[in-house]
Amino acid sequence: MTTDRQRKQNAKQKSENYFKRHRKSRLARGGYWRHDYRFQLAEIGKRKPERLIDIGCGPGTFLFRVEKAYPEIQLNALDILEEMIRETRERLSDTAVATVGDSENMPLSSEQYDAVTCNMSIHHNPHPEKALGEMARILKPGGARRCLGNSVFPRQFCPGIPAFLTSR
């Protein structure tokens, strides 16, 4: 029987292998989701959050676009892979905060973000419902959570895909 710790380690290894395979691809540059990024950027512009975090940030492609469009927003990133956090730090300004951490057990304080995004990474979690619970925990009351998934990810965990979700 596989333990929870083994499932998390397996998920981490799968994510690492996935990003190594696609490192130089259009995927790594955010090419496949440019339309979704534009939609998200417009929503962020309407909401004008002070603090935004991207969960499972990968190499920071989405946050780079947010920073270019809205330099006044305090950006934060979380990814389980040190390599992805290193790339995110290289891509963003010195004011952005990038943290290595597990999205199912975030090393972050409760109710500190106005907006939480998760782009095409929720399906990498062994327990996506735990990651979504953690996203709700770190979100300020009245904040917005946006999860972009793919057709493999069950919609019952994030029924508002692709719309912004108001939670809390």
N, C-alpha and C. Protein backbone atom coordinates (compact mmCIF):
# COMPACT_ATOMS: atom_id res chain seq x y z
N MET A 1 0.84 -1.18 0.00
CA MET A 1 0.00 0.00 0.00
C MET A 1 0.89 1.26 0.00
N THR A 2 0.54 2.21 -0.81
CA THR A 2 1.30 3.45 -0.93
C THR A 2 0.89 4.42 0.18
N THR A 3 1.89 4.97 0.86
CA THR A 3 1.62 5.93 1.92
C THR A 3 1.44 7.32 1.33
N ASP A 4 0.88 8.21 2.13
CA ASP A 4 0.69 9.59 1.69
C ASP A 4 2.03 10.24 1.35
N ARG A 5 3.04 9.95 2.15
CA ARG A 5 4.38 10.52 1.90
C ARG A 5 4.92 10.03 0.55
N GLN A 6 4.71 8.73 0.25
CA GLN A 6 5.16 8.19 -1.03
C GLN A 6 4.40 8.82 -2.20
N ARG A 7 3.09 9.05 -2.02
CA ARG A 7 2.31 9.69 -3.08
C ARG A 7 2.81 11.10 -3.35
N LYS A 8 3.13 11.83 -2.29
CA LYS A 8 3.65 13.19 -2.47
C LYS A 8 5.00 13.16 -3.17
N GLN A 9 5.86 12.23 -2.78
CA GLN A 9 7.18 12.13 -3.41
C GLN A 9 7.02 11.74 -4.87
N ASN A 10 6.11 10.83 -5.17
CA ASN A 10 5.85 10.44 -6.56
C ASN A 10 5.33 11.62 -7.37
N ALA A 11 4.43 12.40 -6.79
CA ALA A 11 3.90 13.57 -7.49
C ALA A 11 5.01 14.59 -7.75
N LYS A 12 5.87 14.79 -6.77
CA LYS A 12 6.98 15.72 -6.94
C LYS A 12 7.90 15.24 -8.07
N GLN A 13 8.20 13.95 -8.10
CA GLN A 13 9.06 13.40 -9.14
C GLN A 13 8.41 13.51 -10.52
N LYS A 14 7.10 13.26 -10.61
CA LYS A 14 6.40 13.39 -11.88
C LYS A 14 6.44 14.84 -12.37
N SER A 15 6.23 15.80 -11.46
CA SER A 15 6.29 17.21 -11.85
C SER A 15 7.68 17.57 -12.36
N GLU A 16 8.68 17.12 -11.64
CA GLU A 16 10.05 17.41 -12.04
C GLU A 16 10.35 16.82 -13.42
N ASN A 17 9.97 15.58 -13.66
CA ASN A 17 10.19 14.95 -14.96
C ASN A 17 9.43 15.68 -16.06
N TYR A 18 8.21 16.08 -15.77
CA TYR A 18 7.37 16.79 -16.74
C TYR A 18 8.04 18.09 -17.18
N PHE A 19 8.51 18.88 -16.21
CA PHE A 19 9.12 20.15 -16.56
C PHE A 19 10.48 19.98 -17.23
N LYS A 20 11.21 18.96 -16.89
CA LYS A 20 12.48 18.71 -17.59
C LYS A 20 12.23 18.37 -19.06
N ARG A 21 11.18 17.58 -19.31
CA ARG A 21 10.86 17.21 -20.70
C ARG A 21 10.41 18.42 -21.52
N HIS A 22 9.70 19.33 -20.88
CA HIS A 22 9.11 20.46 -21.61
C HIS A 22 9.83 21.78 -21.40
N ARG A 23 11.01 21.76 -20.83
CA ARG A 23 11.74 22.96 -20.45
C ARG A 23 11.85 23.99 -21.57
N LYS A 24 12.19 23.59 -22.76
CA LYS A 24 12.40 24.53 -23.87
C LYS A 24 11.20 24.63 -24.80
N SER A 25 10.13 23.99 -24.44
CA SER A 25 8.97 23.94 -25.33
C SER A 25 8.12 25.21 -25.24
N ARG A 26 7.16 25.27 -26.10
CA ARG A 26 6.18 26.35 -26.07
C ARG A 26 5.42 26.33 -24.74
N LEU A 27 5.24 25.14 -24.20
CA LEU A 27 4.58 24.98 -22.91
C LEU A 27 5.29 25.79 -21.83
N ALA A 28 6.60 25.67 -21.77
CA ALA A 28 7.38 26.36 -20.73
C ALA A 28 7.32 27.87 -20.88
N ARG A 29 7.08 28.36 -22.08
CA ARG A 29 6.98 29.80 -22.32
C ARG A 29 5.55 30.31 -22.18
N GLY A 30 4.62 29.42 -21.81
CA GLY A 30 3.23 29.84 -21.62
C GLY A 30 2.46 29.99 -22.90
N GLY A 31 2.96 29.43 -23.98
CA GLY A 31 2.32 29.61 -25.27
C GLY A 31 0.95 29.02 -25.42
N TYR A 32 0.72 27.89 -24.80
CA TYR A 32 -0.57 27.23 -24.96
C TYR A 32 -1.69 27.97 -24.25
N TRP A 33 -1.39 28.75 -23.25
CA TRP A 33 -2.43 29.36 -22.44
C TRP A 33 -2.45 30.87 -22.55
N ARG A 34 -1.93 31.41 -23.62
CA ARG A 34 -1.90 32.87 -23.75
C ARG A 34 -3.29 33.48 -23.67
N HIS A 35 -4.28 32.83 -24.27
CA HIS A 35 -5.65 33.35 -24.20
C HIS A 35 -6.11 33.38 -22.74
N ASP A 36 -5.87 32.30 -22.01
CA ASP A 36 -6.27 32.25 -20.61
C ASP A 36 -5.51 33.29 -19.79
N TYR A 37 -4.25 33.47 -20.09
CA TYR A 37 -3.47 34.49 -19.38
C TYR A 37 -4.06 35.88 -19.62
N ARG A 38 -4.45 36.16 -20.87
CA ARG A 38 -5.05 37.48 -21.16
C ARG A 38 -6.33 37.68 -20.37
N PHE A 39 -7.15 36.63 -20.30
CA PHE A 39 -8.39 36.70 -19.53
C PHE A 39 -8.08 36.94 -18.06
N GLN A 40 -7.13 36.21 -17.53
CA GLN A 40 -6.76 36.38 -16.13
C GLN A 40 -6.21 37.77 -15.85
N LEU A 41 -5.37 38.26 -16.74
CA LEU A 41 -4.82 39.60 -16.57
C LEU A 41 -5.92 40.65 -16.54
N ALA A 42 -6.92 40.49 -17.39
CA ALA A 42 -8.06 41.42 -17.39
C ALA A 42 -8.81 41.34 -16.07
N GLU A 43 -9.02 40.14 -15.56
CA GLU A 43 -9.72 39.96 -14.28
C GLU A 43 -8.90 40.57 -13.13
N ILE A 44 -7.61 40.38 -13.17
CA ILE A 44 -6.74 40.95 -12.14
C ILE A 44 -6.83 42.48 -12.20
N GLY A 45 -6.84 43.03 -13.40
CA GLY A 45 -6.98 44.48 -13.56
C GLY A 45 -8.28 45.01 -12.99
N LYS A 46 -9.36 44.25 -13.11
CA LYS A 46 -10.65 44.66 -12.54
C LYS A 46 -10.64 44.60 -11.02
N ARG A 47 -10.00 43.58 -10.48
CA ARG A 47 -10.00 43.36 -9.03
C ARG A 47 -8.93 44.18 -8.30
N LYS A 48 -7.84 44.47 -8.97
CA LYS A 48 -6.74 45.26 -8.41
C LYS A 48 -6.28 44.74 -7.04
N PRO A 49 -5.85 43.48 -6.96
CA PRO A 49 -5.38 42.95 -5.69
C PRO A 49 -4.06 43.60 -5.28
N GLU A 50 -3.87 43.74 -3.98
CA GLU A 50 -2.58 44.23 -3.48
C GLU A 50 -1.55 43.11 -3.48
N ARG A 51 -2.00 41.90 -3.10
CA ARG A 51 -1.09 40.75 -3.02
C ARG A 51 -1.69 39.57 -3.78
N LEU A 52 -0.88 38.98 -4.65
CA LEU A 52 -1.31 37.84 -5.46
C LEU A 52 -0.26 36.74 -5.35
N ILE A 53 -0.72 35.50 -5.24
CA ILE A 53 0.20 34.36 -5.25
C ILE A 53 -0.22 33.38 -6.33
N ASP A 54 0.76 32.82 -7.02
CA ASP A 54 0.52 31.79 -8.02
C ASP A 54 1.04 30.48 -7.44
N ILE A 55 0.14 29.51 -7.28
CA ILE A 55 0.46 28.21 -6.70
C ILE A 55 0.86 27.25 -7.81
N GLY A 56 1.98 26.54 -7.62
CA GLY A 56 2.49 25.68 -8.68
C GLY A 56 2.97 26.53 -9.83
N CYS A 57 3.77 27.54 -9.50
CA CYS A 57 4.13 28.61 -10.45
C CYS A 57 5.02 28.16 -11.60
N GLY A 58 5.63 26.98 -11.48
CA GLY A 58 6.54 26.55 -12.54
C GLY A 58 7.65 27.57 -12.70
N PRO A 59 8.06 27.89 -13.92
CA PRO A 59 9.15 28.84 -14.13
C PRO A 59 8.75 30.31 -14.03
N GLY A 60 7.52 30.59 -13.59
CA GLY A 60 7.12 31.98 -13.36
C GLY A 60 6.61 32.72 -14.58
N THR A 61 6.24 32.01 -15.61
CA THR A 61 5.78 32.64 -16.86
C THR A 61 4.57 33.53 -16.64
N PHE A 62 3.57 33.02 -15.94
CA PHE A 62 2.35 33.80 -15.70
C PHE A 62 2.66 35.02 -14.84
N LEU A 63 3.41 34.85 -13.77
CA LEU A 63 3.72 35.99 -12.89
C LEU A 63 4.53 37.05 -13.61
N PHE A 64 5.38 36.65 -14.54
CA PHE A 64 6.14 37.61 -15.34
C PHE A 64 5.17 38.52 -16.11
N ARG A 65 4.12 37.93 -16.66
CA ARG A 65 3.13 38.72 -17.40
C ARG A 65 2.34 39.64 -16.46
N VAL A 66 2.01 39.12 -15.27
CA VAL A 66 1.31 39.94 -14.29
C VAL A 66 2.18 41.13 -13.90
N GLU A 67 3.45 40.87 -13.64
CA GLU A 67 4.36 41.94 -13.22
C GLU A 67 4.51 43.02 -14.29
N LYS A 68 4.57 42.62 -15.55
CA LYS A 68 4.66 43.60 -16.63
C LYS A 68 3.40 44.46 -16.71
N ALA A 69 2.24 43.84 -16.54
CA ALA A 69 0.97 44.55 -16.66
C ALA A 69 0.63 45.36 -15.41
N TYR A 70 0.98 44.85 -14.24
CA TYR A 70 0.58 45.47 -12.96
C TYR A 70 1.76 45.48 -11.98
N PRO A 71 2.75 46.33 -12.22
CA PRO A 71 3.95 46.33 -11.37
C PRO A 71 3.67 46.71 -9.92
N GLU A 72 2.51 47.28 -9.64
CA GLU A 72 2.18 47.68 -8.27
C GLU A 72 1.73 46.51 -7.39
N ILE A 73 1.41 45.38 -7.97
CA ILE A 73 0.96 44.22 -7.19
C ILE A 73 2.15 43.51 -6.57
N GLN A 74 2.05 43.19 -5.28
CA GLN A 74 3.06 42.38 -4.61
C GLN A 74 2.86 40.94 -5.06
N LEU A 75 3.83 40.40 -5.78
CA LEU A 75 3.71 39.04 -6.33
C LEU A 75 4.41 38.02 -5.45
N ASN A 76 3.77 36.87 -5.36
CA ASN A 76 4.31 35.75 -4.60
C ASN A 76 4.15 34.49 -5.43
N ALA A 77 5.05 33.54 -5.23
CA ALA A 77 5.03 32.30 -5.98
C ALA A 77 5.30 31.13 -5.05
N LEU A 78 4.68 30.00 -5.36
CA LEU A 78 4.93 28.77 -4.59
C LEU A 78 5.04 27.62 -5.57
N ASP A 79 6.08 26.82 -5.41
CA ASP A 79 6.24 25.61 -6.21
C ASP A 79 7.01 24.61 -5.36
N ILE A 80 6.76 23.34 -5.58
CA ILE A 80 7.41 22.30 -4.81
C ILE A 80 8.85 22.05 -5.28
N LEU A 81 9.18 22.50 -6.48
CA LEU A 81 10.51 22.27 -7.05
C LEU A 81 11.42 23.49 -6.89
N GLU A 82 12.55 23.27 -6.26
CA GLU A 82 13.55 24.34 -6.07
C GLU A 82 13.97 24.94 -7.41
N GLU A 83 14.13 24.11 -8.41
CA GLU A 83 14.55 24.58 -9.73
C GLU A 83 13.54 25.56 -10.33
N MET A 84 12.25 25.28 -10.16
CA MET A 84 11.22 26.19 -10.68
C MET A 84 11.24 27.52 -9.92
N ILE A 85 11.43 27.45 -8.62
CA ILE A 85 11.51 28.68 -7.81
C ILE A 85 12.73 29.50 -8.22
N ARG A 86 13.83 28.84 -8.47
CA ARG A 86 15.04 29.54 -8.92
C ARG A 86 14.77 30.27 -10.25
N GLU A 87 14.11 29.60 -11.19
CA GLU A 87 13.79 30.24 -12.47
C GLU A 87 12.81 31.39 -12.28
N THR A 88 11.85 31.22 -11.40
CA THR A 88 10.88 32.28 -11.13
C THR A 88 11.60 33.50 -10.56
N ARG A 89 12.50 33.29 -9.63
CA ARG A 89 13.26 34.40 -9.03
C ARG A 89 14.09 35.14 -10.08
N GLU A 90 14.66 34.39 -11.01
CA GLU A 90 15.46 35.01 -12.07
C GLU A 90 14.58 35.83 -13.02
N ARG A 91 13.35 35.41 -13.20
CA ARG A 91 12.44 36.05 -14.16
C ARG A 91 11.78 37.30 -13.59
N LEU A 92 11.55 37.34 -12.27
CA LEU A 92 10.80 38.43 -11.66
C LEU A 92 11.71 39.44 -10.98
N SER A 93 11.15 40.57 -10.63
CA SER A 93 11.90 41.62 -9.94
C SER A 93 12.23 41.18 -8.52
N ASP A 94 13.08 41.94 -7.87
CA ASP A 94 13.51 41.62 -6.51
C ASP A 94 12.40 41.77 -5.48
N THR A 95 11.32 42.44 -5.83
CA THR A 95 10.22 42.62 -4.86
C THR A 95 9.32 41.38 -4.77
N ALA A 96 9.38 40.50 -5.76
CA ALA A 96 8.57 39.28 -5.74
C ALA A 96 9.15 38.29 -4.73
N VAL A 97 8.25 37.54 -4.10
CA VAL A 97 8.66 36.53 -3.11
C VAL A 97 8.33 35.16 -3.68
N ALA A 98 9.33 34.30 -3.79
CA ALA A 98 9.14 32.96 -4.32
C ALA A 98 9.56 31.95 -3.26
N THR A 99 8.67 31.00 -2.98
CA THR A 99 8.85 30.06 -1.88
C THR A 99 8.75 28.63 -2.38
N VAL A 100 9.67 27.79 -1.93
CA VAL A 100 9.57 26.36 -2.18
C VAL A 100 8.59 25.80 -1.16
N GLY A 101 7.58 25.08 -1.64
CA GLY A 101 6.62 24.51 -0.70
C GLY A 101 5.61 23.62 -1.39
N ASP A 102 4.97 22.82 -0.59
CA ASP A 102 3.96 21.86 -1.01
C ASP A 102 2.59 22.55 -1.00
N SER A 103 1.89 22.53 -2.11
CA SER A 103 0.60 23.22 -2.18
C SER A 103 -0.49 22.55 -1.34
N GLU A 104 -0.25 21.35 -0.88
CA GLU A 104 -1.21 20.68 -0.01
C GLU A 104 -0.95 20.98 1.47
N ASN A 105 0.16 21.61 1.75
CA ASN A 105 0.53 21.98 3.12
C ASN A 105 1.43 23.21 3.03
N MET A 106 0.84 24.34 2.69
CA MET A 106 1.61 25.55 2.38
C MET A 106 2.26 26.15 3.62
N PRO A 107 3.52 26.54 3.50
CA PRO A 107 4.22 27.18 4.61
C PRO A 107 3.91 28.68 4.66
N LEU A 108 2.62 29.01 4.63
CA LEU A 108 2.18 30.40 4.52
C LEU A 108 1.11 30.68 5.57
N SER A 109 1.04 31.92 5.99
CA SER A 109 0.03 32.35 6.96
C SER A 109 -1.35 32.41 6.32
N SER A 110 -2.36 32.27 7.14
CA SER A 110 -3.75 32.33 6.68
C SER A 110 -4.15 33.76 6.32
N GLU A 111 -5.10 33.86 5.41
CA GLU A 111 -5.75 35.12 5.05
C GLU A 111 -4.78 36.26 4.73
N GLN A 112 -3.84 36.00 3.82
CA GLN A 112 -2.88 37.06 3.50
C GLN A 112 -2.88 37.51 2.05
N TYR A 113 -3.62 36.82 1.17
CA TYR A 113 -3.61 37.17 -0.25
C TYR A 113 -4.99 37.61 -0.72
N ASP A 114 -4.99 38.62 -1.59
CA ASP A 114 -6.24 39.11 -2.19
C ASP A 114 -6.63 38.24 -3.39
N ALA A 115 -5.65 37.61 -4.01
CA ALA A 115 -5.90 36.76 -5.17
C ALA A 115 -4.94 35.58 -5.14
N VAL A 116 -5.48 34.40 -5.45
CA VAL A 116 -4.70 33.17 -5.53
C VAL A 116 -4.96 32.58 -6.91
N THR A 117 -3.89 32.31 -7.65
CA THR A 117 -4.04 31.67 -8.96
C THR A 117 -3.32 30.33 -8.94
N CYS A 118 -3.76 29.45 -9.80
CA CYS A 118 -3.14 28.13 -9.97
C CYS A 118 -3.36 27.75 -11.42
N ASN A 119 -2.30 27.79 -12.19
CA ASN A 119 -2.39 27.61 -13.64
C ASN A 119 -1.86 26.25 -14.07
N MET A 120 -2.75 25.39 -14.51
CA MET A 120 -2.37 24.10 -15.09
C MET A 120 -1.45 23.27 -14.21
N SER A 121 -1.62 23.38 -12.89
CA SER A 121 -0.78 22.56 -12.01
C SER A 121 -1.58 21.78 -10.98
N ILE A 122 -2.84 22.10 -10.80
CA ILE A 122 -3.63 21.46 -9.75
C ILE A 122 -3.69 19.94 -9.94
N HIS A 123 -3.68 19.48 -11.16
CA HIS A 123 -3.76 18.05 -11.44
C HIS A 123 -2.48 17.30 -11.09
N HIS A 124 -1.41 18.01 -10.78
CA HIS A 124 -0.17 17.35 -10.35
C HIS A 124 -0.21 16.94 -8.88
N ASN A 125 -1.19 17.42 -8.14
CA ASN A 125 -1.29 17.12 -6.71
C ASN A 125 -1.92 15.75 -6.48
N PRO A 126 -1.36 14.98 -5.53
CA PRO A 126 -1.98 13.70 -5.19
C PRO A 126 -3.39 13.89 -4.61
N HIS A 127 -3.60 15.01 -3.91
CA HIS A 127 -4.90 15.32 -3.29
C HIS A 127 -5.27 16.76 -3.65
N PRO A 128 -5.80 16.99 -4.86
CA PRO A 128 -6.09 18.37 -5.27
C PRO A 128 -7.07 19.08 -4.35
N GLU A 129 -7.96 18.35 -3.72
CA GLU A 129 -8.91 18.99 -2.81
C GLU A 129 -8.18 19.61 -1.61
N LYS A 130 -7.07 19.01 -1.17
CA LYS A 130 -6.28 19.60 -0.09
C LYS A 130 -5.61 20.89 -0.55
N ALA A 131 -5.10 20.88 -1.77
CA ALA A 131 -4.47 22.10 -2.31
C ALA A 131 -5.50 23.22 -2.41
N LEU A 132 -6.71 22.90 -2.87
CA LEU A 132 -7.76 23.92 -2.97
C LEU A 132 -8.15 24.43 -1.58
N GLY A 133 -8.17 23.55 -0.59
CA GLY A 133 -8.45 23.98 0.78
C GLY A 133 -7.37 24.92 1.30
N GLU A 134 -6.13 24.63 0.97
CA GLU A 134 -5.03 25.50 1.37
C GLU A 134 -5.12 26.85 0.67
N MET A 135 -5.53 26.84 -0.59
CA MET A 135 -5.71 28.11 -1.31
C MET A 135 -6.78 28.96 -0.64
N ALA A 136 -7.86 28.33 -0.22
CA ALA A 136 -8.92 29.06 0.48
C ALA A 136 -8.41 29.59 1.83
N ARG A 137 -7.57 28.82 2.49
CA ARG A 137 -7.03 29.23 3.80
C ARG A 137 -6.16 30.48 3.71
N ILE A 138 -5.33 30.58 2.68
CA ILE A 138 -4.42 31.72 2.57
C ILE A 138 -5.07 32.94 1.94
N LEU A 139 -6.28 32.76 1.42
CA LEU A 139 -7.01 33.85 0.77
C LEU A 139 -7.73 34.72 1.80
N LYS A 140 -7.61 36.03 1.63
CA LYS A 140 -8.34 36.96 2.50
C LYS A 140 -9.84 36.83 2.25
N PRO A 141 -10.65 37.14 3.26
CA PRO A 141 -12.11 37.16 3.02
C PRO A 141 -12.44 38.11 1.87
N GLY A 142 -13.26 37.64 0.96
CA GLY A 142 -13.62 38.44 -0.21
C GLY A 142 -12.62 38.36 -1.35
N GLY A 143 -11.53 37.61 -1.15
CA GLY A 143 -10.53 37.48 -2.19
C GLY A 143 -10.99 36.57 -3.31
N ALA A 144 -10.19 36.44 -4.34
CA ALA A 144 -10.55 35.65 -5.52
C ALA A 144 -9.54 34.54 -5.74
N ARG A 145 -10.06 33.37 -6.08
CA ARG A 145 -9.21 32.22 -6.39
C ARG A 145 -9.51 31.82 -7.83
N ARG A 146 -8.46 31.62 -8.61
CA ARG A 146 -8.64 31.22 -10.01
C ARG A 146 -7.80 29.99 -10.26
N CYS A 147 -8.45 28.92 -10.67
CA CYS A 147 -7.77 27.68 -11.01
C CYS A 147 -8.00 27.39 -12.48
N LEU A 148 -6.93 27.28 -13.22
CA LEU A 148 -7.03 26.82 -14.59
C LEU A 148 -6.55 25.38 -14.60
N GLY A 149 -7.39 24.50 -15.06
CA GLY A 149 -7.02 23.09 -15.13
C GLY A 149 -7.08 22.62 -16.56
N ASN A 150 -7.00 21.31 -16.70
CA ASN A 150 -7.18 20.75 -18.03
C ASN A 150 -8.29 19.71 -17.97
N SER A 151 -8.60 19.11 -19.08
CA SER A 151 -9.73 18.19 -19.13
C SER A 151 -9.51 16.94 -18.29
N VAL A 152 -8.29 16.69 -17.88
CA VAL A 152 -7.99 15.53 -17.05
C VAL A 152 -8.40 15.79 -15.61
N PHE A 153 -8.41 17.04 -15.22
CA PHE A 153 -8.70 17.39 -13.83
C PHE A 153 -10.20 17.40 -13.58
N PRO A 154 -10.67 16.66 -12.56
CA PRO A 154 -12.10 16.62 -12.28
C PRO A 154 -12.64 17.99 -11.88
N ARG A 155 -13.68 18.44 -12.54
CA ARG A 155 -14.26 19.75 -12.29
C ARG A 155 -14.90 19.88 -10.92
N GLN A 156 -15.20 18.76 -10.25
CA GLN A 156 -15.85 18.91 -8.95
C GLN A 156 -14.92 19.59 -7.94
N PHE A 157 -13.62 19.55 -8.15
CA PHE A 157 -12.71 20.20 -7.23
C PHE A 157 -12.64 21.70 -7.46
N CYS A 158 -12.87 22.12 -8.67
CA CYS A 158 -12.78 23.54 -9.01
C CYS A 158 -13.84 23.84 -10.06
N PRO A 159 -15.11 23.87 -9.64
CA PRO A 159 -16.20 23.96 -10.60
C PRO A 159 -16.24 25.25 -11.40
N GLY A 160 -15.53 26.28 -11.00
CA GLY A 160 -15.59 27.56 -11.70
C GLY A 160 -14.61 27.68 -12.84
N ILE A 161 -13.89 26.64 -13.18
CA ILE A 161 -12.95 26.73 -14.28
C ILE A 161 -13.71 27.13 -15.54
N PRO A 162 -13.34 28.15 -16.29
CA PRO A 162 -12.19 29.00 -16.09
C PRO A 162 -12.49 30.33 -15.42
N ALA A 163 -13.62 30.49 -14.78
CA ALA A 163 -13.98 31.78 -14.18
C ALA A 163 -13.31 31.99 -12.83
N PHE A 164 -13.13 33.27 -12.47
CA PHE A 164 -12.65 33.58 -11.13
C PHE A 164 -13.67 33.09 -10.13
N LEU A 165 -13.20 32.58 -9.04
CA LEU A 165 -14.09 32.11 -7.98
C LEU A 165 -13.94 33.04 -6.80
N THR A 166 -15.04 33.50 -6.26
CA THR A 166 -14.98 34.25 -5.01
C THR A 166 -15.20 33.25 -3.91
N SER A 167 -14.30 33.21 -2.98
CA SER A 167 -14.46 32.27 -1.90
C SER A 167 -14.38 32.99 -0.58
N ARG A 168 -14.85 32.35 0.43
CA ARG A 168 -14.86 32.80 1.82
C ARG A 168 -16.00 33.69 2.10
